[in-house]
Amino acid sequence: MDLGTILKVAHAVLGVWIVAGLVGRWVTLGQAARSTDITAVHTLLGLSARFESMVIRIPPVVLLLGVATAIAQGRPFLGPLQGAPIDWLFVSIVIYLSILPVNGFRDRVVLAAHVYELAAIVVVFVLMITKPF
């Protein structure tokens, strides 16, 4: 197995870990927002903090592994900035970098940001798997 393949597998596994963190955070914060029991809210917020930790710490590693994978495979990950055409890899990086970290509880703007964050990650996954262009 070559270095590019090892990096690609690590990149994919940690990408799935991010999705798990996003969904887990979303579910626990949603349940906490609906709860009327302060003890349950406290417990759910503690659990959501663990998911939040995954969502904050893993993405930079995934980005670095993705760039390292592209370099190991000789792919121009910066697309047109490297004289290559715009492809799924460049679009994925642009979408990925558009995700801004946000925090909050019961805030519609934060909820919208979390929905966008999850949607962006799903789009990047679809682009990585299908490589439509």
C-alpha atoms as a PDB file:
ATOM      1  CA  MET A   1       0.000   0.000   0.000  1.00  0.00           C
ATOM      2  CA  ASP A   2       1.480   3.348  -0.997  1.00  0.00           C
ATOM      3  CA  LEU A   3       1.535   6.562   1.057  1.00  0.00           C
ATOM      4  CA  GLY A   4      -1.246   8.165  -0.993  1.00  0.00           C
ATOM      5  CA  THR A   5      -3.617   5.302  -0.217  1.00  0.00           C
ATOM      6  CA  ILE A   6      -2.791   5.333   3.493  1.00  0.00           C
ATOM      7  CA  LEU A   7      -3.393   9.085   3.639  1.00  0.00           C
ATOM      8  CA  LYS A   8      -6.639   8.727   1.678  1.00  0.00           C
ATOM      9  CA  VAL A   9      -7.991   6.083   4.074  1.00  0.00           C
ATOM     10  CA  ALA A  10      -7.048   8.156   7.135  1.00  0.00           C
ATOM     11  CA  HIS A  11      -8.651  11.216   5.518  1.00  0.00           C
ATOM     12  CA  ALA A  12     -11.891   9.313   4.818  1.00  0.00           C
ATOM     13  CA  VAL A  13     -12.110   7.737   8.288  1.00  0.00           C
ATOM     14  CA  LEU A  14     -11.659  11.091  10.014  1.00  0.00           C
ATOM     15  CA  GLY A  15     -14.176  12.637   7.581  1.00  0.00           C
ATOM     16  CA  VAL A  16     -16.759  10.135   8.785  1.00  0.00           C
ATOM     17  CA  TRP A  17     -15.778  11.033  12.356  1.00  0.00           C
ATOM     18  CA  ILE A  18     -16.617  14.692  11.594  1.00  0.00           C
ATOM     19  CA  VAL A  19     -20.038  13.752  10.236  1.00  0.00           C
ATOM     20  CA  ALA A  20     -20.696  11.702  13.384  1.00  0.00           C
ATOM     21  CA  GLY A  21     -19.717  14.698  15.516  1.00  0.00           C
ATOM     22  CA  LEU A  22     -21.934  17.079  13.526  1.00  0.00           C
ATOM     23  CA  VAL A  23     -24.963  14.811  13.725  1.00  0.00           C
ATOM     24  CA  GLY A  24     -24.360  13.986  17.392  1.00  0.00           C
ATOM     25  CA  ARG A  25     -24.022  17.655  18.297  1.00  0.00           C
ATOM     26  CA  TRP A  26     -27.136  18.529  16.335  1.00  0.00           C
ATOM     27  CA  VAL A  27     -29.238  15.797  17.942  1.00  0.00           C
ATOM     28  CA  THR A  28     -28.101  16.507  21.511  1.00  0.00           C
ATOM     29  CA  LEU A  29     -28.465  20.300  21.228  1.00  0.00           C
ATOM     30  CA  GLY A  30     -31.910  19.838  19.681  1.00  0.00           C
ATOM     31  CA  GLN A  31     -32.974  17.570  22.510  1.00  0.00           C
ATOM     32  CA  ALA A  32     -31.561  19.972  25.105  1.00  0.00           C
ATOM     33  CA  ALA A  33     -33.490  22.860  23.521  1.00  0.00           C
ATOM     34  CA  ARG A  34     -36.747  20.886  23.838  1.00  0.00           C
ATOM     35  CA  SER A  35     -36.158  19.652  27.375  1.00  0.00           C
ATOM     36  CA  THR A  36     -37.886  21.227  30.371  1.00  0.00           C
ATOM     37  CA  ASP A  37     -35.769  19.384  32.954  1.00  0.00           C
ATOM     38  CA  ILE A  38     -32.667  21.347  33.950  1.00  0.00           C
ATOM     39  CA  THR A  39     -30.779  18.179  34.905  1.00  0.00           C
ATOM     40  CA  ALA A  40     -31.458  16.679  31.479  1.00  0.00           C
ATOM     41  CA  VAL A  41     -30.365  19.931  29.804  1.00  0.00           C
ATOM     42  CA  HIS A  42     -27.134  19.893  31.803  1.00  0.00           C
ATOM     43  CA  THR A  43     -26.454  16.271  30.859  1.00  0.00           C
ATOM     44  CA  LEU A  44     -27.258  16.847  27.189  1.00  0.00           C
ATOM     45  CA  LEU A  45     -25.053  19.937  27.026  1.00  0.00           C
ATOM     46  CA  GLY A  46     -22.204  17.919  28.539  1.00  0.00           C
ATOM     47  CA  LEU A  47     -22.707  15.292  25.848  1.00  0.00           C
ATOM     48  CA  SER A  48     -22.943  17.913  23.092  1.00  0.00           C
ATOM     49  CA  ALA A  49     -19.633  19.354  24.315  1.00  0.00           C
ATOM     50  CA  ARG A  50     -17.970  16.033  23.493  1.00  0.00           C
ATOM     51  CA  PHE A  51     -19.403  16.139  19.976  1.00  0.00           C
ATOM     52  CA  GLU A  52     -18.398  19.807  19.683  1.00  0.00           C
ATOM     53  CA  SER A  53     -14.858  18.838  20.595  1.00  0.00           C
ATOM     54  CA  MET A  54     -14.850  16.351  17.697  1.00  0.00           C
ATOM     55  CA  VAL A  55     -16.199  19.020  15.327  1.00  0.00           C
ATOM     56  CA  ILE A  56     -13.554  21.556  16.393  1.00  0.00           C
ATOM     57  CA  ARG A  57     -10.435  19.376  16.626  1.00  0.00           C
ATOM     58  CA  ILE A  58     -10.771  16.963  13.700  1.00  0.00           C
ATOM     59  CA  PRO A  59     -11.432  19.238  10.655  1.00  0.00           C
ATOM     60  CA  PRO A  60      -7.950  20.798  10.516  1.00  0.00           C
ATOM     61  CA  VAL A  61      -6.456  17.294  10.586  1.00  0.00           C
ATOM     62  CA  VAL A  62      -8.832  16.173   7.807  1.00  0.00           C
ATOM     63  CA  LEU A  63      -7.865  19.203   5.714  1.00  0.00           C
ATOM     64  CA  LEU A  64      -4.151  18.491   6.193  1.00  0.00           C
ATOM     65  CA  LEU A  65      -4.637  14.805   5.354  1.00  0.00           C
ATOM     66  CA  GLY A  66      -6.613  15.768   2.245  1.00  0.00           C
ATOM     67  CA  VAL A  67      -3.907  18.144   1.059  1.00  0.00           C
ATOM     68  CA  ALA A  68      -1.219  15.562   1.865  1.00  0.00           C
ATOM     69  CA  THR A  69      -3.188  12.934  -0.070  1.00  0.00           C
ATOM     70  CA  ALA A  70      -3.471  15.234  -3.083  1.00  0.00           C
ATOM     71  CA  ILE A  71       0.255  16.001  -2.974  1.00  0.00           C
ATOM     72  CA  ALA A  72       1.149  12.299  -2.583  1.00  0.00           C
ATOM     73  CA  GLN A  73      -1.021  11.513  -5.611  1.00  0.00           C
ATOM     74  CA  GLY A  74       0.374  14.400  -7.650  1.00  0.00           C
ATOM     75  CA  ARG A  75      -3.011  16.171  -7.847  1.00  0.00           C
ATOM     76  CA  PRO A  76      -3.208  19.980  -8.168  1.00  0.00           C
ATOM     77  CA  PHE A  77      -5.508  20.566  -5.182  1.00  0.00           C
ATOM     78  CA  LEU A  78      -5.562  24.325  -5.761  1.00  0.00           C
ATOM     79  CA  GLY A  79      -7.034  23.856  -9.227  1.00  0.00           C
ATOM     80  CA  PRO A  80      -6.828  27.063 -11.244  1.00  0.00           C
ATOM     81  CA  LEU A  81      -4.310  28.572  -8.822  1.00  0.00           C
ATOM     82  CA  GLN A  82      -1.917  25.837  -9.972  1.00  0.00           C
ATOM     83  CA  GLY A  83      -2.826  26.112 -13.650  1.00  0.00           C
ATOM     84  CA  ALA A  84      -5.254  23.178 -13.531  1.00  0.00           C
ATOM     85  CA  PRO A  85      -8.975  23.248 -14.302  1.00  0.00           C
ATOM     86  CA  ILE A  86     -11.619  23.637 -11.621  1.00  0.00           C
ATOM     87  CA  ASP A  87     -12.514  20.127 -10.482  1.00  0.00           C
ATOM     88  CA  TRP A  88     -14.290  18.416  -7.587  1.00  0.00           C
ATOM     89  CA  LEU A  89     -11.188  18.651  -5.388  1.00  0.00           C
ATOM     90  CA  PHE A  90     -10.857  22.434  -5.727  1.00  0.00           C
ATOM     91  CA  VAL A  91     -14.617  22.952  -5.236  1.00  0.00           C
ATOM     92  CA  SER A  92     -14.532  20.705  -2.156  1.00  0.00           C
ATOM     93  CA  ILE A  93     -11.730  22.750  -0.613  1.00  0.00           C
ATOM     94  CA  VAL A  94     -13.556  26.024  -1.279  1.00  0.00           C
ATOM     95  CA  ILE A  95     -16.758  24.657   0.297  1.00  0.00           C
ATOM     96  CA  TYR A  96     -14.823  23.189   3.216  1.00  0.00           C
ATOM     97  CA  LEU A  97     -13.094  26.510   3.921  1.00  0.00           C
ATOM     98  CA  SER A  98     -16.443  28.328   3.884  1.00  0.00           C
ATOM     99  CA  ILE A  99     -17.462  26.630   7.127  1.00  0.00           C
ATOM    100  CA  LEU A 100     -17.011  29.008  10.031  1.00  0.00           C
ATOM    101  CA  PRO A 101     -17.047  27.776  13.612  1.00  0.00           C
ATOM    102  CA  VAL A 102     -20.134  28.966  15.467  1.00  0.00           C
ATOM    103  CA  ASN A 103     -21.435  28.429  18.973  1.00  0.00           C
ATOM    104  CA  GLY A 104     -24.769  29.063  20.638  1.00  0.00           C
ATOM    105  CA  PHE A 105     -27.833  27.507  22.104  1.00  0.00           C
ATOM    106  CA  ARG A 106     -31.394  28.041  20.889  1.00  0.00           C
ATOM    107  CA  ASP A 107     -30.253  30.637  18.358  1.00  0.00           C
ATOM    108  CA  ARG A 108     -31.745  30.523  14.850  1.00  0.00           C
ATOM    109  CA  VAL A 109     -28.588  31.927  13.267  1.00  0.00           C
ATOM    110  CA  VAL A 110     -26.462  29.265  14.954  1.00  0.00           C
ATOM    111  CA  LEU A 111     -28.954  26.589  13.907  1.00  0.00           C
ATOM    112  CA  ALA A 112     -28.770  27.839  10.319  1.00  0.00           C
ATOM    113  CA  ALA A 113     -24.965  27.786  10.511  1.00  0.00           C
ATOM    114  CA  HIS A 114     -25.024  24.215  11.825  1.00  0.00           C
ATOM    115  CA  VAL A 115     -27.381  23.147   9.035  1.00  0.00           C
ATOM    116  CA  TYR A 116     -25.071  24.783   6.485  1.00  0.00           C
ATOM    117  CA  GLU A 117     -22.040  23.150   8.095  1.00  0.00           C
ATOM    118  CA  LEU A 118     -23.597  19.686   7.888  1.00  0.00           C
ATOM    119  CA  ALA A 119     -24.835  20.292   4.331  1.00  0.00           C
ATOM    120  CA  ALA A 120     -21.399  21.502   3.235  1.00  0.00           C
ATOM    121  CA  ILE A 121     -19.707  18.424   4.659  1.00  0.00           C
ATOM    122  CA  VAL A 122     -22.258  16.174   2.950  1.00  0.00           C
ATOM    123  CA  VAL A 123     -21.665  17.968  -0.381  1.00  0.00           C
ATOM    124  CA  VAL A 124     -17.903  17.525   0.024  1.00  0.00           C
ATOM    125  CA  PHE A 125     -18.448  13.811   0.721  1.00  0.00           C
ATOM    126  CA  VAL A 126     -20.620  13.462  -2.379  1.00  0.00           C
ATOM    127  CA  LEU A 127     -18.010  15.281  -4.480  1.00  0.00           C
ATOM    128  CA  MET A 128     -15.245  13.045  -3.121  1.00  0.00           C
ATOM    129  CA  ILE A 129     -17.171   9.875  -3.837  1.00  0.00           C
ATOM    130  CA  THR A 130     -18.699  10.730  -7.226  1.00  0.00           C
ATOM    131  CA  LYS A 131     -15.951  13.010  -8.640  1.00  0.00           C
ATOM    132  CA  PRO A 132     -18.471  14.481 -11.121  1.00  0.00           C
ATOM    133  CA  PHE A 133     -15.956  16.824 -12.775  1.00  0.00           C
END
